[in-house]
């Protein structure tokens, strides 16, 4: 008997069967900032990536600024502790992967 390959799973909502996108937990725009260079080494900045479905990815960027992501929300656990993201994830987990999910516009 052959094992089925694991379906890609969003690291926030844990839903499967969706196209995933790369989310840099330490935003690339922040890599040259002194604050990021003091806290993280180069390898960590470039390799700390989460695979997220588009609704979760859009919600993260609509909810948090790049400086907030760098400073306090640079892990999946930290993102899940943010009240607005936790509320969205709790809701979206119950949605079918085939359902189109509207997300508010990202922050400028």
N, C-alpha and C. Protein backbone atom coordinates (compact mmCIF):
# COMPACT_ATOMS: atom_id res chain seq x y z
N UNK A 1 0.84 -1.17 0.00
CA UNK A 1 0.00 0.00 0.00
C UNK A 1 0.89 1.25 0.00
N UNK A 2 0.54 2.25 -0.84
CA UNK A 2 1.32 3.48 -0.95
C UNK A 2 0.70 4.56 -0.08
N UNK A 3 1.56 5.30 0.60
CA UNK A 3 1.09 6.44 1.38
C UNK A 3 0.84 7.61 0.44
N UNK A 4 -0.23 8.32 0.68
CA UNK A 4 -0.50 9.52 -0.10
C UNK A 4 0.44 10.62 0.36
N UNK A 5 0.92 11.45 -0.58
CA UNK A 5 1.75 12.57 -0.14
C UNK A 5 0.89 13.54 0.68
N UNK A 6 1.49 14.11 1.69
CA UNK A 6 0.75 15.05 2.53
C UNK A 6 0.34 16.26 1.70
N UNK A 7 -0.90 16.71 1.90
CA UNK A 7 -1.35 17.90 1.20
C UNK A 7 -0.74 19.13 1.86
N UNK A 8 -0.40 20.13 1.05
CA UNK A 8 0.12 21.36 1.64
C UNK A 8 -0.90 21.94 2.61
N UNK A 9 -0.42 22.40 3.74
CA UNK A 9 -1.29 22.90 4.81
C UNK A 9 -0.87 24.32 5.19
N UNK A 10 -1.83 25.22 5.26
CA UNK A 10 -1.56 26.58 5.72
C UNK A 10 -1.10 26.51 7.17
N UNK A 11 0.00 27.18 7.46
CA UNK A 11 0.56 27.12 8.81
C UNK A 11 -0.24 27.91 9.83
N UNK A 12 -1.14 28.79 9.40
CA UNK A 12 -1.98 29.52 10.35
C UNK A 12 -3.32 28.81 10.56
N UNK A 13 -4.08 28.64 9.50
CA UNK A 13 -5.43 28.08 9.67
C UNK A 13 -5.47 26.56 9.60
N UNK A 14 -4.37 25.94 9.14
CA UNK A 14 -4.25 24.48 9.05
C UNK A 14 -5.17 23.86 8.01
N UNK A 15 -5.75 24.66 7.12
CA UNK A 15 -6.58 24.10 6.05
C UNK A 15 -5.68 23.53 4.96
N UNK A 16 -6.18 22.51 4.28
CA UNK A 16 -5.43 21.87 3.18
C UNK A 16 -6.18 22.09 1.88
N UNK A 17 -5.51 21.77 0.79
CA UNK A 17 -6.15 21.86 -0.52
C UNK A 17 -6.17 23.25 -1.10
N UNK A 18 -5.35 24.13 -0.57
CA UNK A 18 -5.28 25.52 -1.04
C UNK A 18 -3.89 25.80 -1.59
N UNK A 19 -3.81 26.73 -2.52
CA UNK A 19 -2.51 27.19 -2.99
C UNK A 19 -1.89 28.01 -1.86
N UNK A 20 -0.63 27.74 -1.56
CA UNK A 20 0.05 28.44 -0.48
C UNK A 20 1.04 29.46 -1.03
N UNK A 21 1.25 30.51 -0.25
CA UNK A 21 2.21 31.56 -0.60
C UNK A 21 3.24 31.68 0.51
N UNK A 22 4.43 32.16 0.15
CA UNK A 22 5.50 32.36 1.14
C UNK A 22 5.27 33.65 1.90
N UNK A 23 5.31 33.55 3.21
CA UNK A 23 5.25 34.75 4.06
C UNK A 23 6.57 34.82 4.82
N UNK A 24 7.30 35.91 4.61
CA UNK A 24 8.55 36.12 5.33
C UNK A 24 8.20 36.63 6.72
N UNK A 25 8.45 35.83 7.72
CA UNK A 25 8.09 36.19 9.10
C UNK A 25 8.86 37.42 9.56
N UNK A 26 10.05 37.62 9.05
CA UNK A 26 10.78 38.86 9.24
C UNK A 26 10.75 39.53 7.87
N UNK A 27 9.93 40.57 7.69
CA UNK A 27 9.71 41.14 6.37
C UNK A 27 11.02 41.53 5.67
N UNK A 28 11.09 41.21 4.38
CA UNK A 28 12.31 41.49 3.61
C UNK A 28 12.66 42.97 3.62
N UNK A 29 11.66 43.84 3.64
CA UNK A 29 11.93 45.28 3.66
C UNK A 29 12.63 45.71 4.95
N UNK A 30 12.59 44.88 5.96
CA UNK A 30 13.19 45.22 7.26
C UNK A 30 14.59 44.64 7.42
N UNK A 31 15.05 43.80 6.50
CA UNK A 31 16.34 43.11 6.66
C UNK A 31 17.53 44.06 6.78
N UNK A 32 17.48 45.20 6.15
CA UNK A 32 18.61 46.15 6.20
C UNK A 32 18.54 47.10 7.39
N UNK A 33 17.45 47.03 8.11
CA UNK A 33 17.29 47.90 9.28
C UNK A 33 18.17 47.40 10.42
N UNK A 34 18.73 48.32 11.14
CA UNK A 34 19.59 47.99 12.27
C UNK A 34 18.83 47.16 13.30
N UNK A 35 17.57 47.50 13.54
CA UNK A 35 16.78 46.78 14.54
C UNK A 35 16.69 45.29 14.20
N UNK A 36 16.54 44.97 12.93
CA UNK A 36 16.47 43.56 12.52
C UNK A 36 17.85 42.91 12.59
N UNK A 37 18.88 43.62 12.19
CA UNK A 37 20.23 43.06 12.17
C UNK A 37 20.75 42.76 13.57
N UNK A 38 20.29 43.52 14.54
CA UNK A 38 20.71 43.28 15.93
C UNK A 38 20.00 42.04 16.49
N UNK A 39 18.74 41.87 16.16
CA UNK A 39 17.94 40.77 16.72
C UNK A 39 18.11 39.44 16.01
N UNK A 40 18.36 39.47 14.69
CA UNK A 40 18.37 38.25 13.89
C UNK A 40 19.63 38.18 13.04
N UNK A 41 20.17 36.96 12.89
CA UNK A 41 21.30 36.84 11.97
C UNK A 41 20.76 36.69 10.55
N UNK A 42 21.64 36.86 9.58
CA UNK A 42 21.24 36.87 8.17
C UNK A 42 20.50 35.58 7.77
N UNK A 43 21.02 34.45 8.21
CA UNK A 43 20.40 33.17 7.89
C UNK A 43 18.97 33.10 8.42
N UNK A 44 18.78 33.55 9.64
CA UNK A 44 17.45 33.52 10.24
C UNK A 44 16.49 34.45 9.49
N UNK A 45 16.97 35.63 9.11
CA UNK A 45 16.11 36.57 8.39
C UNK A 45 15.63 35.99 7.06
N UNK A 46 16.51 35.30 6.36
CA UNK A 46 16.14 34.79 5.04
C UNK A 46 15.41 33.45 5.09
N UNK A 47 15.59 32.69 6.16
CA UNK A 47 14.99 31.36 6.20
C UNK A 47 13.71 31.28 7.02
N UNK A 48 13.40 32.29 7.79
CA UNK A 48 12.18 32.23 8.62
C UNK A 48 10.97 32.57 7.74
N UNK A 49 10.41 31.52 7.15
CA UNK A 49 9.32 31.65 6.19
C UNK A 49 8.18 30.72 6.62
N UNK A 50 6.96 31.20 6.44
CA UNK A 50 5.77 30.38 6.70
C UNK A 50 4.99 30.26 5.40
N UNK A 51 4.41 29.10 5.18
CA UNK A 51 3.57 28.90 4.01
C UNK A 51 2.12 29.12 4.44
N UNK A 52 1.50 30.14 3.83
CA UNK A 52 0.14 30.54 4.20
C UNK A 52 -0.78 30.53 3.00
N UNK A 53 -2.05 30.25 3.25
CA UNK A 53 -3.04 30.40 2.19
C UNK A 53 -3.23 31.90 1.95
N UNK A 54 -3.77 32.24 0.80
CA UNK A 54 -3.90 33.66 0.46
C UNK A 54 -4.78 34.44 1.45
N UNK A 55 -5.91 33.91 1.91
CA UNK A 55 -6.71 34.67 2.88
C UNK A 55 -5.93 34.97 4.17
N UNK A 56 -5.20 33.99 4.69
CA UNK A 56 -4.42 34.23 5.91
C UNK A 56 -3.29 35.22 5.65
N UNK A 57 -2.60 35.07 4.53
CA UNK A 57 -1.50 35.96 4.18
C UNK A 57 -2.00 37.40 4.05
N UNK A 58 -3.11 37.58 3.35
CA UNK A 58 -3.68 38.92 3.19
C UNK A 58 -4.10 39.51 4.53
N UNK A 59 -4.67 38.68 5.39
CA UNK A 59 -5.10 39.17 6.70
C UNK A 59 -3.92 39.63 7.55
N UNK A 60 -2.83 38.87 7.52
CA UNK A 60 -1.63 39.26 8.27
C UNK A 60 -1.18 40.65 7.84
N UNK A 61 -1.08 40.88 6.52
CA UNK A 61 -0.59 42.16 6.03
C UNK A 61 -1.62 43.28 6.16
N UNK A 62 -2.89 42.94 6.21
CA UNK A 62 -3.92 43.95 6.42
C UNK A 62 -4.00 44.37 7.88
N UNK A 63 -3.53 43.51 8.76
CA UNK A 63 -3.66 43.74 10.20
C UNK A 63 -2.42 44.37 10.82
N UNK A 64 -1.25 43.97 10.35
CA UNK A 64 0.00 44.38 10.99
C UNK A 64 0.93 45.10 10.02
N UNK A 65 1.64 46.09 10.53
CA UNK A 65 2.64 46.77 9.72
C UNK A 65 3.91 45.92 9.66
N UNK A 66 4.79 46.26 8.75
CA UNK A 66 6.05 45.52 8.63
C UNK A 66 6.89 45.65 9.90
N UNK A 67 6.88 46.83 10.51
CA UNK A 67 7.65 47.00 11.75
C UNK A 67 7.06 46.17 12.89
N UNK A 68 5.73 46.06 12.95
CA UNK A 68 5.10 45.21 13.97
C UNK A 68 5.43 43.74 13.73
N UNK A 69 5.43 43.33 12.46
CA UNK A 69 5.77 41.95 12.13
C UNK A 69 7.19 41.64 12.57
N UNK A 70 8.12 42.54 12.28
CA UNK A 70 9.52 42.32 12.67
C UNK A 70 9.67 42.28 14.20
N UNK A 71 9.07 43.24 14.87
CA UNK A 71 9.31 43.40 16.30
C UNK A 71 8.61 42.36 17.17
N UNK A 72 7.35 42.05 16.86
CA UNK A 72 6.59 41.23 17.81
C UNK A 72 5.88 40.03 17.21
N UNK A 73 5.71 39.98 15.91
CA UNK A 73 4.91 38.92 15.30
C UNK A 73 5.71 38.16 14.24
N UNK A 74 6.92 37.72 14.62
CA UNK A 74 7.81 37.07 13.65
C UNK A 74 7.85 35.56 13.80
N UNK A 75 6.82 34.99 14.43
CA UNK A 75 6.65 33.54 14.50
C UNK A 75 5.17 33.23 14.30
N UNK A 76 4.88 32.00 13.94
CA UNK A 76 3.48 31.57 13.78
C UNK A 76 2.76 31.68 15.12
N UNK A 77 3.40 31.26 16.20
CA UNK A 77 2.77 31.34 17.53
C UNK A 77 2.42 32.77 17.89
N UNK A 78 3.32 33.70 17.61
CA UNK A 78 3.05 35.11 17.92
C UNK A 78 1.88 35.63 17.07
N UNK A 79 1.85 35.28 15.79
CA UNK A 79 0.74 35.70 14.93
C UNK A 79 -0.58 35.19 15.47
N UNK A 80 -0.60 33.94 15.91
CA UNK A 80 -1.84 33.34 16.42
C UNK A 80 -2.29 33.97 17.74
N UNK A 81 -1.40 34.67 18.42
CA UNK A 81 -1.77 35.33 19.68
C UNK A 81 -2.34 36.73 19.45
N UNK A 82 -2.17 37.28 18.24
CA UNK A 82 -2.76 38.59 17.95
C UNK A 82 -4.27 38.42 17.90
N UNK A 83 -5.04 39.22 18.64
CA UNK A 83 -6.49 39.00 18.74
C UNK A 83 -7.22 39.03 17.39
N UNK A 84 -6.89 39.97 16.51
CA UNK A 84 -7.59 40.05 15.23
C UNK A 84 -7.25 38.87 14.33
N UNK A 85 -6.00 38.46 14.33
CA UNK A 85 -5.60 37.32 13.50
C UNK A 85 -6.19 36.04 14.08
N UNK A 86 -6.16 35.89 15.39
CA UNK A 86 -6.75 34.70 16.03
C UNK A 86 -8.24 34.59 15.70
N UNK A 87 -8.94 35.71 15.73
CA UNK A 87 -10.37 35.72 15.43
C UNK A 87 -10.60 35.30 13.97
N UNK A 88 -9.80 35.85 13.05
CA UNK A 88 -9.94 35.48 11.65
C UNK A 88 -9.64 34.00 11.43
N UNK A 89 -8.55 33.52 12.01
CA UNK A 89 -8.14 32.12 11.84
C UNK A 89 -9.21 31.19 12.39
N UNK A 90 -9.77 31.53 13.52
CA UNK A 90 -10.83 30.72 14.11
C UNK A 90 -12.02 30.61 13.16
N UNK A 91 -12.36 31.72 12.50
CA UNK A 91 -13.47 31.72 11.55
C UNK A 91 -13.12 30.98 10.26
N UNK A 92 -11.95 31.29 9.69
CA UNK A 92 -11.61 30.74 8.37
C UNK A 92 -11.38 29.23 8.43
N UNK A 93 -10.96 28.71 9.57
CA UNK A 93 -10.76 27.26 9.73
C UNK A 93 -12.03 26.48 9.41
N UNK A 94 -13.17 27.11 9.64
CA UNK A 94 -14.46 26.44 9.43
C UNK A 94 -14.95 26.55 7.99
N UNK A 95 -14.25 27.31 7.17
CA UNK A 95 -14.67 27.54 5.79
C UNK A 95 -14.09 26.48 4.86
N UNK A 96 -14.86 26.15 3.86
CA UNK A 96 -14.39 25.19 2.86
C UNK A 96 -13.23 25.81 2.07
N UNK A 97 -12.23 25.02 1.72
CA UNK A 97 -11.15 25.55 0.89
C UNK A 97 -11.65 26.07 -0.46
N UNK A 98 -12.82 25.61 -0.90
CA UNK A 98 -13.38 26.06 -2.17
C UNK A 98 -14.11 27.38 -2.05
N UNK A 99 -14.41 27.81 -0.83
CA UNK A 99 -15.13 29.06 -0.65
C UNK A 99 -14.18 30.24 -0.85
N UNK A 100 -14.64 31.21 -1.61
CA UNK A 100 -13.86 32.44 -1.82
C UNK A 100 -14.02 33.29 -0.56
N UNK A 101 -12.89 33.70 0.03
CA UNK A 101 -12.91 34.47 1.27
C UNK A 101 -12.43 35.89 0.98
N UNK A 102 -13.29 36.87 1.25
CA UNK A 102 -12.92 38.27 1.07
C UNK A 102 -12.14 38.74 2.30
N UNK A 103 -11.08 39.49 2.05
CA UNK A 103 -10.23 39.99 3.12
C UNK A 103 -10.09 41.50 2.95
N UNK A 104 -10.07 42.23 4.07
CA UNK A 104 -9.91 43.68 3.96
C UNK A 104 -8.58 44.02 3.30
N UNK A 105 -8.50 45.24 2.77
CA UNK A 105 -7.30 45.67 2.06
C UNK A 105 -6.10 45.75 2.98
N UNK A 106 -4.92 45.42 2.44
CA UNK A 106 -3.69 45.51 3.25
C UNK A 106 -3.38 46.95 3.64
N UNK A 107 -2.62 47.09 4.72
CA UNK A 107 -2.16 48.40 5.16
C UNK A 107 -1.22 48.98 4.13
N UNK A 108 -1.20 50.28 4.03
CA UNK A 108 -0.27 50.95 3.09
C UNK A 108 1.08 51.15 3.71
